[in-house]
C-alpha atoms as a PDB file:
ATOM      1  CA  MET A   1     -32.433 -33.907   0.808  1.00  0.00           C
ATOM      2  CA  HIS A   2     -31.378 -32.134   3.989  1.00  0.00           C
ATOM      3  CA  LEU A   3     -27.920 -31.264   5.264  1.00  0.00           C
ATOM      4  CA  HIS A   4     -28.127 -33.719   8.187  1.00  0.00           C
ATOM      5  CA  GLU A   5     -28.957 -36.565   5.781  1.00  0.00           C
ATOM      6  CA  TYR A   6     -25.763 -35.938   3.824  1.00  0.00           C
ATOM      7  CA  GLN A   7     -23.644 -35.606   6.958  1.00  0.00           C
ATOM      8  CA  GLY A   8     -25.159 -38.854   8.222  1.00  0.00           C
ATOM      9  CA  GLY A   9     -23.957 -40.673   5.145  1.00  0.00           C
ATOM     10  CA  THR A  10     -27.388 -41.521   3.689  1.00  0.00           C
ATOM     11  CA  MET A  11     -26.719 -39.843   0.339  1.00  0.00           C
ATOM     12  CA  GLN A  12     -24.823 -41.695  -2.341  1.00  0.00           C
ATOM     13  CA  PRO A  13     -22.336 -39.727  -4.515  1.00  0.00           C
ATOM     14  CA  THR A  14     -23.274 -39.189  -8.147  1.00  0.00           C
ATOM     15  CA  ASP A  15     -21.244 -38.536 -11.283  1.00  0.00           C
ATOM     16  CA  GLU A  16     -22.457 -34.924 -11.486  1.00  0.00           C
ATOM     17  CA  TYR A  17     -19.525 -33.788  -9.370  1.00  0.00           C
ATOM     18  CA  GLU A  18     -16.978 -35.405 -11.675  1.00  0.00           C
ATOM     19  CA  LEU A  19     -18.677 -33.862 -14.691  1.00  0.00           C
ATOM     20  CA  ALA A  20     -18.786 -30.397 -13.109  1.00  0.00           C
ATOM     21  CA  THR A  21     -15.140 -30.470 -11.995  1.00  0.00           C
ATOM     22  CA  ALA A  22     -13.628 -32.177 -15.064  1.00  0.00           C
ATOM     23  CA  GLY A  23     -10.574 -30.242 -16.224  1.00  0.00           C
ATOM     24  CA  LEU A  24     -10.636 -27.711 -13.369  1.00  0.00           C
ATOM     25  CA  GLU A  25      -7.342 -28.924 -11.889  1.00  0.00           C
ATOM     26  CA  ASP A  26      -5.573 -28.365 -15.226  1.00  0.00           C
ATOM     27  CA  PHE A  27      -7.363 -25.054 -15.690  1.00  0.00           C
ATOM     28  CA  GLY A  28      -6.135 -23.934 -12.275  1.00  0.00           C
ATOM     29  CA  ARG A  29      -2.518 -24.711 -13.148  1.00  0.00           C
ATOM     30  CA  GLU A  30      -2.724 -22.903 -16.492  1.00  0.00           C
ATOM     31  CA  LEU A  31      -4.477 -19.891 -14.977  1.00  0.00           C
ATOM     32  CA  ARG A  32      -1.938 -19.646 -12.161  1.00  0.00           C
ATOM     33  CA  SER A  33       0.875 -19.643 -14.734  1.00  0.00           C
ATOM     34  CA  ALA A  34      -0.901 -16.947 -16.755  1.00  0.00           C
ATOM     35  CA  PHE A  35      -1.349 -14.702 -13.709  1.00  0.00           C
ATOM     36  CA  LYS A  36       2.254 -15.216 -12.597  1.00  0.00           C
ATOM     37  CA  ALA A  37       3.652 -14.458 -16.061  1.00  0.00           C
ATOM     38  CA  ALA A  38       1.583 -11.277 -16.319  1.00  0.00           C
ATOM     39  CA  LEU A  39       2.398 -10.066 -12.790  1.00  0.00           C
ATOM     40  CA  ASP A  40       6.109 -10.793 -13.187  1.00  0.00           C
ATOM     41  CA  LYS A  41       6.120  -8.005 -15.781  1.00  0.00           C
ATOM     42  CA  THR A  42       4.817  -5.538 -13.200  1.00  0.00           C
ATOM     43  CA  SER A  43       6.154  -4.101  -9.960  1.00  0.00           C
ATOM     44  CA  VAL A  44       3.944  -6.396  -7.856  1.00  0.00           C
ATOM     45  CA  THR A  45       5.708  -8.424  -5.181  1.00  0.00           C
ATOM     46  CA  LEU A  46       3.888 -11.747  -5.212  1.00  0.00           C
ATOM     47  CA  HIS A  47       3.730 -14.040  -2.214  1.00  0.00           C
ATOM     48  CA  ASP A  48       1.827 -16.944  -3.711  1.00  0.00           C
ATOM     49  CA  ILE A  49      -0.989 -17.970  -6.077  1.00  0.00           C
ATOM     50  CA  PRO A  50      -2.596 -21.062  -4.537  1.00  0.00           C
ATOM     51  CA  PHE A  51      -5.710 -22.697  -5.978  1.00  0.00           C
ATOM     52  CA  ARG A  52      -7.998 -25.593  -5.140  1.00  0.00           C
ATOM     53  CA  VAL A  53     -10.912 -27.523  -6.591  1.00  0.00           C
ATOM     54  CA  LYS A  54     -13.715 -27.630  -4.027  1.00  0.00           C
ATOM     55  CA  ARG A  55     -14.109 -31.078  -2.504  1.00  0.00           C
ATOM     56  CA  ARG A  56     -17.329 -32.975  -3.107  1.00  0.00           C
ATOM     57  CA  GLU A  57     -18.381 -32.839   0.556  1.00  0.00           C
ATOM     58  CA  SER A  58     -17.792 -29.088   0.809  1.00  0.00           C
ATOM     59  CA  ALA A  59     -19.700 -28.494  -2.406  1.00  0.00           C
ATOM     60  CA  VAL A  60     -22.714 -30.547  -1.272  1.00  0.00           C
ATOM     61  CA  ILE A  61     -22.812 -28.836   2.115  1.00  0.00           C
ATOM     62  CA  LYS A  62     -22.779 -25.437   0.436  1.00  0.00           C
ATOM     63  CA  LEU A  63     -25.557 -26.446  -1.956  1.00  0.00           C
ATOM     64  CA  LEU A  64     -27.781 -27.824   0.789  1.00  0.00           C
ATOM     65  CA  SER A  65     -27.155 -24.877   3.110  1.00  0.00           C
ATOM     66  CA  THR A  66     -28.335 -22.506   0.380  1.00  0.00           C
ATOM     67  CA  GLY A  67     -31.432 -24.488  -0.506  1.00  0.00           C
ATOM     68  CA  ARG A  68     -30.187 -25.967  -3.755  1.00  0.00           C
ATOM     69  CA  ALA A  69     -30.251 -29.549  -5.000  1.00  0.00           C
ATOM     70  CA  PRO A  70     -27.273 -31.568  -3.678  1.00  0.00           C
ATOM     71  CA  ASP A  71     -26.161 -32.426  -7.215  1.00  0.00           C
ATOM     72  CA  ASP A  72     -26.471 -28.931  -8.692  1.00  0.00           C
ATOM     73  CA  PHE A  73     -22.692 -28.525  -8.741  1.00  0.00           C
ATOM     74  CA  ARG A  74     -22.670 -26.429 -11.907  1.00  0.00           C
ATOM     75  CA  SER A  75     -24.478 -23.628 -10.064  1.00  0.00           C
ATOM     76  CA  LEU A  76     -21.440 -23.083  -7.826  1.00  0.00           C
ATOM     77  CA  HIS A  77     -19.150 -20.356  -9.108  1.00  0.00           C
ATOM     78  CA  ASP A  78     -16.286 -21.330  -6.817  1.00  0.00           C
ATOM     79  CA  LEU A  79     -15.730 -24.988  -7.699  1.00  0.00           C
ATOM     80  CA  LEU A  80     -12.350 -23.662  -8.774  1.00  0.00           C
ATOM     81  CA  GLY A  81     -11.009 -21.110  -6.324  1.00  0.00           C
ATOM     82  CA  MET A  82      -7.750 -19.186  -6.560  1.00  0.00           C
ATOM     83  CA  ARG A  83      -6.024 -16.549  -4.452  1.00  0.00           C
ATOM     84  CA  VAL A  84      -3.516 -14.014  -5.679  1.00  0.00           C
ATOM     85  CA  ILE A  85      -1.565 -13.024  -2.568  1.00  0.00           C
ATOM     86  CA  THR A  86       0.710  -9.977  -2.538  1.00  0.00           C
ATOM     87  CA  LEU A  87       2.951  -8.506   0.136  1.00  0.00           C
ATOM     88  CA  PHE A  88       1.739  -4.921  -0.204  1.00  0.00           C
ATOM     89  CA  GLU A  89      -1.798  -3.554  -0.308  1.00  0.00           C
ATOM     90  CA  ASP A  90      -1.186  -1.012  -3.061  1.00  0.00           C
ATOM     91  CA  ASP A  91      -0.252  -3.909  -5.379  1.00  0.00           C
ATOM     92  CA  LEU A  92      -3.889  -5.045  -5.364  1.00  0.00           C
ATOM     93  CA  ASP A  93      -4.828  -2.341  -7.894  1.00  0.00           C
ATOM     94  CA  ILE A  94      -2.385  -3.835 -10.394  1.00  0.00           C
ATOM     95  CA  VAL A  95      -3.586  -7.353  -9.576  1.00  0.00           C
ATOM     96  CA  THR A  96      -7.158  -6.235 -10.244  1.00  0.00           C
ATOM     97  CA  LYS A  97      -6.131  -4.876 -13.641  1.00  0.00           C
ATOM     98  CA  VAL A  98      -4.373  -8.136 -14.579  1.00  0.00           C
ATOM     99  CA  ILE A  99      -7.333 -10.254 -13.455  1.00  0.00           C
ATOM    100  CA  ASN A 100      -9.666  -8.191 -15.630  1.00  0.00           C
ATOM    101  CA  GLU A 101      -7.327  -8.584 -18.608  1.00  0.00           C
ATOM    102  CA  ILE A 102      -7.116 -12.365 -18.354  1.00  0.00           C
ATOM    103  CA  LEU A 103     -10.694 -13.049 -17.290  1.00  0.00           C
ATOM    104  CA  ASP A 104     -14.068 -11.904 -18.497  1.00  0.00           C
ATOM    105  CA  VAL A 105     -15.279 -10.915 -15.026  1.00  0.00           C
ATOM    106  CA  ASP A 106     -19.029 -10.982 -14.503  1.00  0.00           C
ATOM    107  CA  LYS A 107     -19.056 -10.502 -10.741  1.00  0.00           C
ATOM    108  CA  THR A 108     -16.818  -8.441  -8.470  1.00  0.00           C
ATOM    109  CA  SER A 109     -17.121  -7.755  -4.762  1.00  0.00           C
ATOM    110  CA  ASP A 110     -15.107  -6.115  -2.018  1.00  0.00           C
ATOM    111  CA  LYS A 111     -15.937  -8.029   1.136  1.00  0.00           C
ATOM    112  CA  ILE A 112     -15.244  -5.116   3.455  1.00  0.00           C
ATOM    113  CA  GLU A 113     -17.836  -3.040   1.597  1.00  0.00           C
ATOM    114  CA  THR A 114     -20.479  -5.752   1.912  1.00  0.00           C
ATOM    115  CA  HIS A 115     -20.239  -5.939   5.707  1.00  0.00           C
ATOM    116  CA  ALA A 116     -22.693  -4.009   7.827  1.00  0.00           C
ATOM    117  CA  SER A 117     -21.355  -0.779   9.269  1.00  0.00           C
ATOM    118  CA  ASP A 118     -21.176  -2.283  12.746  1.00  0.00           C
ATOM    119  CA  ALA A 119     -19.585  -5.531  11.581  1.00  0.00           C
ATOM    120  CA  PHE A 120     -15.920  -6.195  11.271  1.00  0.00           C
ATOM    121  CA  GLY A 121     -13.896  -8.140   8.807  1.00  0.00           C
ATOM    122  CA  TYR A 122     -10.925  -7.834   6.574  1.00  0.00           C
ATOM    123  CA  ARG A 123     -10.711  -6.690   2.998  1.00  0.00           C
ATOM    124  CA  SER A 124     -10.815  -9.284   0.253  1.00  0.00           C
ATOM    125  CA  LEU A 125     -11.469  -8.599  -3.410  1.00  0.00           C
ATOM    126  CA  HIS A 126     -13.441 -11.349  -5.135  1.00  0.00           C
ATOM    127  CA  PHE A 127     -13.765 -11.822  -8.889  1.00  0.00           C
ATOM    128  CA  VAL A 128     -15.876 -14.441 -10.652  1.00  0.00           C
ATOM    129  CA  GLY A 129     -15.566 -15.072 -14.356  1.00  0.00           C
ATOM    130  CA  THR A 130     -14.321 -17.103 -17.290  1.00  0.00           C
ATOM    131  CA  LEU A 131     -11.368 -16.691 -19.618  1.00  0.00           C
ATOM    132  CA  SER A 132     -11.537 -13.580 -21.764  1.00  0.00           C
ATOM    133  CA  GLU A 133     -12.509 -14.076 -25.389  1.00  0.00           C
ATOM    134  CA  ALA A 134      -8.963 -13.264 -26.505  1.00  0.00           C
ATOM    135  CA  ARG A 135      -7.389 -15.713 -24.038  1.00  0.00           C
ATOM    136  CA  ALA A 136      -9.929 -18.486 -24.760  1.00  0.00           C
ATOM    137  CA  GLY A 137      -9.149 -18.075 -28.459  1.00  0.00           C
ATOM    138  CA  MET A 138      -5.553 -19.168 -27.906  1.00  0.00           C
ATOM    139  CA  ILE A 139      -4.920 -22.821 -28.766  1.00  0.00           C
ATOM    140  CA  GLU A 140      -3.381 -23.639 -25.390  1.00  0.00           C
ATOM    141  CA  TYR A 141      -6.395 -22.196 -23.528  1.00  0.00           C
ATOM    142  CA  SER A 142      -9.270 -23.153 -25.839  1.00  0.00           C
ATOM    143  CA  ARG A 143     -10.185 -26.282 -23.846  1.00  0.00           C
ATOM    144  CA  TYR A 144     -10.869 -24.108 -20.791  1.00  0.00           C
ATOM    145  CA  ALA A 145     -13.298 -21.726 -22.506  1.00  0.00           C
ATOM    146  CA  GLY A 146     -16.434 -21.260 -20.400  1.00  0.00           C
ATOM    147  CA  MET A 147     -14.958 -22.707 -17.202  1.00  0.00           C
ATOM    148  CA  ARG A 148     -15.700 -20.495 -14.206  1.00  0.00           C
ATOM    149  CA  VAL A 149     -13.318 -19.512 -11.454  1.00  0.00           C
ATOM    150  CA  GLU A 150     -13.470 -17.366  -8.347  1.00  0.00           C
ATOM    151  CA  VAL A 151     -10.283 -15.370  -7.775  1.00  0.00           C
ATOM    152  CA  GLN A 152      -9.594 -13.620  -4.486  1.00  0.00           C
ATOM    153  CA  ALA A 153      -6.960 -10.878  -4.340  1.00  0.00           C
ATOM    154  CA  ARG A 154      -5.459 -10.329  -0.900  1.00  0.00           C
ATOM    155  CA  THR A 155      -2.334  -9.210   0.864  1.00  0.00           C
ATOM    156  CA  HIS A 156      -0.348 -11.688   2.924  1.00  0.00           C
ATOM    157  CA  LEU A 157      -1.825 -10.193   6.106  1.00  0.00           C
ATOM    158  CA  GLN A 158      -5.359 -10.409   4.734  1.00  0.00           C
ATOM    159  CA  HIS A 159      -4.726 -14.025   3.773  1.00  0.00           C
ATOM    160  CA  GLY A 160      -3.512 -14.788   7.289  1.00  0.00           C
ATOM    161  CA  TRP A 161      -6.604 -13.153   8.785  1.00  0.00           C
ATOM    162  CA  ALA A 162      -8.894 -15.234   6.525  1.00  0.00           C
ATOM    163  CA  GLU A 163      -7.087 -18.451   7.428  1.00  0.00           C
ATOM    164  CA  ILE A 164      -7.385 -17.731  11.162  1.00  0.00           C
ATOM    165  CA  GLU A 165     -11.082 -16.861  10.788  1.00  0.00           C
ATOM    166  CA  HIS A 166     -11.628 -20.124   8.951  1.00  0.00           C
ATOM    167  CA  ASP A 167      -9.748 -22.116  11.584  1.00  0.00           C
ATOM    168  CA  LEU A 168     -11.818 -20.505  14.344  1.00  0.00           C
ATOM    169  CA  GLY A 169     -15.031 -21.227  12.446  1.00  0.00           C
ATOM    170  CA  TYR A 170     -15.947 -17.541  12.553  1.00  0.00           C
ATOM    171  CA  LYS A 171     -17.841 -15.536   9.956  1.00  0.00           C
ATOM    172  CA  PRO A 172     -18.732 -11.827  10.337  1.00  0.00           C
ATOM    173  CA  GLU A 173     -22.436 -12.484   9.756  1.00  0.00           C
ATOM    174  CA  ARG A 174     -22.645 -15.025  12.594  1.00  0.00           C
ATOM    175  CA  PRO A 175     -23.691 -13.866  16.088  1.00  0.00           C
ATOM    176  CA  LEU A 176     -20.897 -13.430  18.596  1.00  0.00           C
ATOM    177  CA  ASP A 177     -20.506 -12.351  22.193  1.00  0.00           C
ATOM    178  CA  GLU A 178     -20.057  -8.576  22.368  1.00  0.00           C
ATOM    179  CA  LYS A 179     -16.709  -8.795  24.189  1.00  0.00           C
ATOM    180  CA  LEU A 180     -15.326 -11.163  21.571  1.00  0.00           C
ATOM    181  CA  ARG A 181     -16.746  -8.941  18.824  1.00  0.00           C
ATOM    182  CA  ARG A 182     -14.838  -5.951  20.215  1.00  0.00           C
ATOM    183  CA  ARG A 183     -11.621  -7.995  20.365  1.00  0.00           C
ATOM    184  CA  PHE A 184     -12.040  -9.095  16.749  1.00  0.00           C
ATOM    185  CA  SER A 185     -12.758  -5.502  15.751  1.00  0.00           C
ATOM    186  CA  ARG A 186      -9.622  -4.152  17.417  1.00  0.00           C
ATOM    187  CA  LEU A 187      -7.454  -6.826  15.839  1.00  0.00           C
ATOM    188  CA  ALA A 188      -8.956  -6.300  12.381  1.00  0.00           C
ATOM    189  CA  ALA A 189      -8.326  -2.562  12.679  1.00  0.00           C
ATOM    190  CA  LEU A 190      -4.716  -3.149  13.723  1.00  0.00           C
ATOM    191  CA  MET A 191      -4.131  -5.417  10.750  1.00  0.00           C
ATOM    192  CA  GLU A 192      -5.629  -2.908   8.330  1.00  0.00           C
ATOM    193  CA  ILE A 193      -3.343  -0.244   9.798  1.00  0.00           C
ATOM    194  CA  ALA A 194      -0.389  -2.635   9.494  1.00  0.00           C
ATOM    195  CA  ASP A 195      -1.095  -3.200   5.789  1.00  0.00           C
ATOM    196  CA  SER A 196      -1.173   0.547   5.229  1.00  0.00           C
ATOM    197  CA  GLU A 197       1.963   1.143   7.282  1.00  0.00           C
ATOM    198  CA  PHE A 198       3.936  -1.508   5.409  1.00  0.00           C
ATOM    199  CA  VAL A 199       3.212   0.353   2.171  1.00  0.00           C
ATOM    200  CA  SER A 200       4.311   3.622   3.767  1.00  0.00           C
ATOM    201  CA  LEU A 201       7.424   2.064   5.307  1.00  0.00           C
ATOM    202  CA  ARG A 202       8.443   0.537   2.002  1.00  0.00           C
ATOM    203  CA  GLY A 203       8.506   3.992   0.458  1.00  0.00           C
ATOM    204  CA  ALA A 204      10.363   5.498   3.409  1.00  0.00           C
ATOM    205  CA  VAL A 205      12.985   2.754   3.753  1.00  0.00           C
ATOM    206  CA  ILE A 206      13.731   2.316   0.076  1.00  0.00           C
ATOM    207  CA  GLY A 207      13.332   5.966  -0.770  1.00  0.00           C
ATOM    208  CA  GLY A 208      13.502   7.547  -4.167  1.00  0.00           C
ATOM    209  CA  ILE A 209      16.536   6.868  -6.350  1.00  0.00           C
ATOM    210  CA  PRO A 210      18.515  10.104  -6.918  1.00  0.00           C
ATOM    211  CA  ALA A 211      18.219  11.604 -10.394  1.00  0.00           C
ATOM    212  CA  ALA A 212      21.005  11.108 -12.923  1.00  0.00           C
ATOM    213  CA  GLY A 213      24.090  13.083 -11.951  1.00  0.00           C
ATOM    214  CA  GLU A 214      22.939  13.827  -8.419  1.00  0.00           C
ATOM    215  CA  ILE A 215      24.888  11.051  -6.736  1.00  0.00           C
ATOM    216  CA  ALA A 216      28.166  12.265  -8.300  1.00  0.00           C
ATOM    217  CA  LYS A 217      27.696  15.567  -6.499  1.00  0.00           C
ATOM    218  CA  ALA A 218      27.711  13.812  -3.120  1.00  0.00           C
ATOM    219  CA  PRO A 219      30.928  11.755  -3.012  1.00  0.00           C
ATOM    220  CA  THR A 220      30.599  11.056   0.715  1.00  0.00           C
ATOM    221  CA  ALA A 221      26.865  10.292   0.685  1.00  0.00           C
ATOM    222  CA  GLN A 222      25.798   7.603   3.120  1.00  0.00           C
ATOM    223  CA  LEU A 223      25.258   4.188   1.573  1.00  0.00           C
ATOM    224  CA  SER A 224      21.621   3.198   1.150  1.00  0.00           C
ATOM    225  CA  VAL A 225      19.742   1.035  -1.317  1.00  0.00           C
ATOM    226  CA  ALA A 226      18.673   4.096  -3.330  1.00  0.00           C
ATOM    227  CA  ASN A 227      22.150   5.669  -3.380  1.00  0.00           C
ATOM    228  CA  LEU A 228      23.762   2.353  -4.246  1.00  0.00           C
ATOM    229  CA  ILE A 229      21.437   1.823  -7.224  1.00  0.00           C
ATOM    230  CA  ALA A 230      22.088   5.388  -8.438  1.00  0.00           C
ATOM    231  CA  HIS A 231      25.850   4.857  -8.187  1.00  0.00           C
ATOM    232  CA  ILE A 232      25.704   1.532 -10.032  1.00  0.00           C
ATOM    233  CA  ARG A 233      23.694   3.083 -12.846  1.00  0.00           C
ATOM    234  CA  GLU A 234      25.991   6.099 -13.223  1.00  0.00           C
ATOM    235  CA  SER A 235      29.465   4.593 -12.755  1.00  0.00           C
ATOM    236  CA  LYS A 236      31.110   3.716 -16.078  1.00  0.00           C
ATOM    237  CA  ASP A 237      34.118   2.344 -14.187  1.00  0.00           C
ATOM    238  CA  LEU A 238      31.884  -0.054 -12.287  1.00  0.00           C
ATOM    239  CA  ARG A 239      30.179  -1.248 -15.470  1.00  0.00           C
ATOM    240  CA  THR A 240      33.610  -1.915 -16.971  1.00  0.00           C
ATOM    241  CA  LEU A 241      34.680  -3.828 -13.862  1.00  0.00           C
ATOM    242  CA  ASP A 242      31.473  -5.892 -13.937  1.00  0.00           C
ATOM    243  CA  ARG A 243      32.035  -6.721 -17.605  1.00  0.00           C
ATOM    244  CA  ARG A 244      35.683  -7.716 -17.190  1.00  0.00           C
ATOM    245  CA  VAL A 245      35.008  -9.854 -14.132  1.00  0.00           C
ATOM    246  CA  SER A 246      32.016 -11.593 -15.736  1.00  0.00           C
ATOM    247  CA  THR A 247      34.180 -12.405 -18.785  1.00  0.00           C
ATOM    248  CA  VAL A 248      36.756 -14.111 -16.576  1.00  0.00           C
ATOM    249  CA  LEU A 249      33.937 -15.984 -14.845  1.00  0.00           C
ATOM    250  CA  SER A 250      32.521 -17.038 -18.254  1.00  0.00           C
ATOM    251  CA  ASP A 251      29.190 -15.578 -17.284  1.00  0.00           C
ATOM    252  CA  ASN A 252      26.981 -12.681 -18.353  1.00  0.00           C
ATOM    253  CA  VAL A 253      25.832  -9.624 -16.448  1.00  0.00           C
ATOM    254  CA  LEU A 254      22.044  -9.882 -16.395  1.00  0.00           C
ATOM    255  CA  PRO A 255      19.646  -6.911 -16.643  1.00  0.00           C
ATOM    256  CA  GLU A 256      18.519  -5.318 -13.388  1.00  0.00           C
ATOM    257  CA  GLY A 257      15.258  -7.247 -13.416  1.00  0.00           C
ATOM    258  CA  LYS A 258      12.102  -6.856 -11.385  1.00  0.00           C
ATOM    259  CA  ASN A 259      13.645  -7.602  -7.965  1.00  0.00           C
ATOM    260  CA  TYR A 260      16.733  -5.465  -8.397  1.00  0.00           C
ATOM    261  CA  ARG A 261      16.043  -3.507  -5.218  1.00  0.00           C
ATOM    262  CA  ALA A 262      16.306  -6.767  -3.282  1.00  0.00           C
ATOM    263  CA  PHE A 263      19.627  -7.506  -4.985  1.00  0.00           C
ATOM    264  CA  ALA A 264      20.872  -3.980  -4.187  1.00  0.00           C
ATOM    265  CA  GLY A 265      19.827  -4.546  -0.580  1.00  0.00           C
ATOM    266  CA  HIS A 266      21.936  -7.714  -0.565  1.00  0.00           C
ATOM    267  CA  LEU A 267      24.923  -5.726  -1.902  1.00  0.00           C
ATOM    268  CA  LEU A 268      24.353  -3.075   0.758  1.00  0.00           C
ATOM    269  CA  ASP A 269      24.482  -5.703   3.512  1.00  0.00           C
ATOM    270  CA  LEU A 270      27.810  -6.967   2.143  1.00  0.00           C
ATOM    271  CA  CYS A 271      29.197  -3.412   2.007  1.00  0.00           C
ATOM    272  CA  LEU A 272      28.159  -2.662   5.575  1.00  0.00           C
ATOM    273  CA  ALA A 273      29.692  -5.937   6.757  1.00  0.00           C
ATOM    274  CA  ALA A 274      32.958  -4.789   5.175  1.00  0.00           C
ATOM    275  CA  GLY A 275      32.749  -1.533   7.131  1.00  0.00           C
ATOM    276  CA  TRP A 276      31.891   0.652   4.129  1.00  0.00           C
ATOM    277  CA  THR A 277      29.327   3.247   5.069  1.00  0.00           C
ATOM    278  CA  ASP A 278      29.667   5.896   2.369  1.00  0.00           C
ATOM    279  CA  LEU A 279      30.269   6.203  -1.361  1.00  0.00           C
ATOM    280  CA  ALA A 280      33.868   7.389  -0.923  1.00  0.00           C
ATOM    281  CA  GLN A 281      34.838   4.062   0.676  1.00  0.00           C
ATOM    282  CA  LEU A 282      32.965   2.189  -2.028  1.00  0.00           C
ATOM    283  CA  ARG A 283      34.699   4.051  -4.865  1.00  0.00           C
ATOM    284  CA  ALA A 284      38.108   3.424  -3.290  1.00  0.00           C
ATOM    285  CA  ALA A 285      37.405  -0.319  -3.189  1.00  0.00           C
ATOM    286  CA  GLU A 286      36.264  -0.272  -6.822  1.00  0.00           C
ATOM    287  CA  SER A 287      39.459   1.511  -7.903  1.00  0.00           C
ATOM    288  CA  GLU A 288      41.612  -1.023  -6.111  1.00  0.00           C
ATOM    289  CA  ALA A 289      39.807  -3.912  -7.770  1.00  0.00           C
ATOM    290  CA  ALA A 290      39.861  -2.252 -11.212  1.00  0.00           C
ATOM    291  CA  SER A 291      43.645  -1.671 -11.112  1.00  0.00           C
ATOM    292  CA  ASP A 292      44.131  -5.298 -12.123  1.00  0.00           C
ATOM    293  CA  ALA A 293      40.650  -6.618 -12.745  1.00  0.00           C
ATOM    294  CA  VAL A 294      41.676  -9.790 -14.580  1.00  0.00           C
ATOM    295  CA  GLN A 295      44.036 -10.978 -11.851  1.00  0.00           C
ATOM    296  CA  TRP A 296      41.535  -9.898  -9.227  1.00  0.00           C
ATOM    297  CA  ALA A 297      38.744 -11.879 -10.904  1.00  0.00           C
ATOM    298  CA  THR A 298      40.899 -14.953 -11.527  1.00  0.00           C
ATOM    299  CA  SER A 299      41.683 -15.252  -7.843  1.00  0.00           C
ATOM    300  CA  LEU A 300      38.055 -15.167  -6.728  1.00  0.00           C
ATOM    301  CA  THR A 301      36.985 -18.058  -4.559  1.00  0.00           C
ATOM    302  CA  GLU A 302      33.745 -19.923  -5.058  1.00  0.00           C
ATOM    303  CA  GLN A 303      32.573 -18.644  -1.671  1.00  0.00           C
ATOM    304  CA  GLU A 304      33.116 -15.040  -2.752  1.00  0.00           C
ATOM    305  CA  ARG A 305      31.076 -15.522  -5.886  1.00  0.00           C
ATOM    306  CA  LEU A 306      28.336 -17.412  -4.058  1.00  0.00           C
ATOM    307  CA  ALA A 307      28.154 -14.597  -1.516  1.00  0.00           C
ATOM    308  CA  VAL A 308      26.787 -12.415  -4.298  1.00  0.00           C
ATOM    309  CA  GLU A 309      24.601 -15.074  -5.892  1.00  0.00           C
ATOM    310  CA  ALA A 310      23.273 -16.426  -2.573  1.00  0.00           C
ATOM    311  CA  SER A 311      20.119 -14.383  -2.925  1.00  0.00           C
ATOM    312  CA  GLY A 312      19.322 -16.173  -6.175  1.00  0.00           C
ATOM    313  CA  HIS A 313      19.595 -13.096  -8.346  1.00  0.00           C
ATOM    314  CA  GLY A 314      22.666 -14.095 -10.374  1.00  0.00           C
ATOM    315  CA  LEU A 315      25.228 -11.593 -11.643  1.00  0.00           C
ATOM    316  CA  ARG A 316      23.286  -8.335 -11.713  1.00  0.00           C
ATOM    317  CA  PRO A 317      24.740  -4.875 -12.366  1.00  0.00           C
ATOM    318  CA  GLY A 318      27.134  -3.959  -9.561  1.00  0.00           C
ATOM    319  CA  PHE A 319      27.796  -7.568  -8.547  1.00  0.00           C
ATOM    320  CA  SER A 320      31.548  -6.932  -8.386  1.00  0.00           C
ATOM    321  CA  ILE A 321      30.882  -4.564  -5.474  1.00  0.00           C
ATOM    322  CA  GLY A 322      29.553  -7.511  -3.528  1.00  0.00           C
ATOM    323  CA  ILE A 323      32.565  -9.665  -4.302  1.00  0.00           C
ATOM    324  CA  ALA A 324      34.942  -6.878  -3.247  1.00  0.00           C
ATOM    325  CA  ALA A 325      32.974  -6.347  -0.046  1.00  0.00           C
ATOM    326  CA  ARG A 326      32.983 -10.053   0.740  1.00  0.00           C
ATOM    327  CA  ARG A 327      36.739 -10.186   0.224  1.00  0.00           C
ATOM    328  CA  ALA A 328      37.245  -7.145   2.467  1.00  0.00           C
ATOM    329  CA  SER A 329      35.099  -8.725   5.197  1.00  0.00           C
ATOM    330  CA  VAL A 330      37.165 -11.913   5.172  1.00  0.00           C
ATOM    331  CA  ALA A 331      40.423  -9.950   5.282  1.00  0.00           C
ATOM    332  CA  LYS A 332      39.143  -7.852   8.166  1.00  0.00           C
ATOM    333  CA  ALA A 333      38.197 -10.949  10.129  1.00  0.00           C
END
């Protein structure tokens, strides 16, 4: 059977495809949940974990183009394909570790390393394997034992590059006009630099959180995400205010959680909108609110509370700062 015969519609579908793909859709959902649960316990900022079961037509075309029988679906290691997409490149090391914990990986490749030295492309880590013995031994996963999956770990930028390449029908190993090759090369290099710079910028923008006691020595320090987190962690008065306000609201103050920096950034935006630019102004606002915390909390409007919870983080440590800032902004307007 040749590729043109299949594309011409002369080949009838068989049941081999259904047999080879049976249960893969469920396996994909369970595996995605397992990866997400494991990565949520790390510092990784996930973008998405999409998966797909390869369509019959795509599978047959791949088999025929590689000289295999058109019904040899079980020889394909990517009938189930999944991508773990992160925002930052340095998160891929943690993703790799998690993948190797959940799967028994028998094949790993870094696509940028497999390109010729004069070719261009974009990094993509590929892992092929089955559930680890420990995971397959769990009751909820036992039915998926032995099922193979190909997992690709990429950043959001790398994912975008791959999608554009696919849409253009381009592959690095295919011949291309030299001028177009140079343009692809320049763009790929820029995107690799961008991935690296985003990691560097994240460190520079967020900065290190001052050590315990350091923020108290700088009462007029400029507000930043790092300084705000340090203040929230050190201020007993603020913790008391949070607790008293949350009691009036019949709610609980949640732990910081994985995305606490994002929540602190939300609080910072509210503070800046209120005109507070340093810790002295922030402490003065806290003192005013704490002077009669119960009355202050009782008079909160739904809009003021939602202003803090709008980011979806709930009542996290320091939330009362956001409410005070929101109230100050409204009064100033």
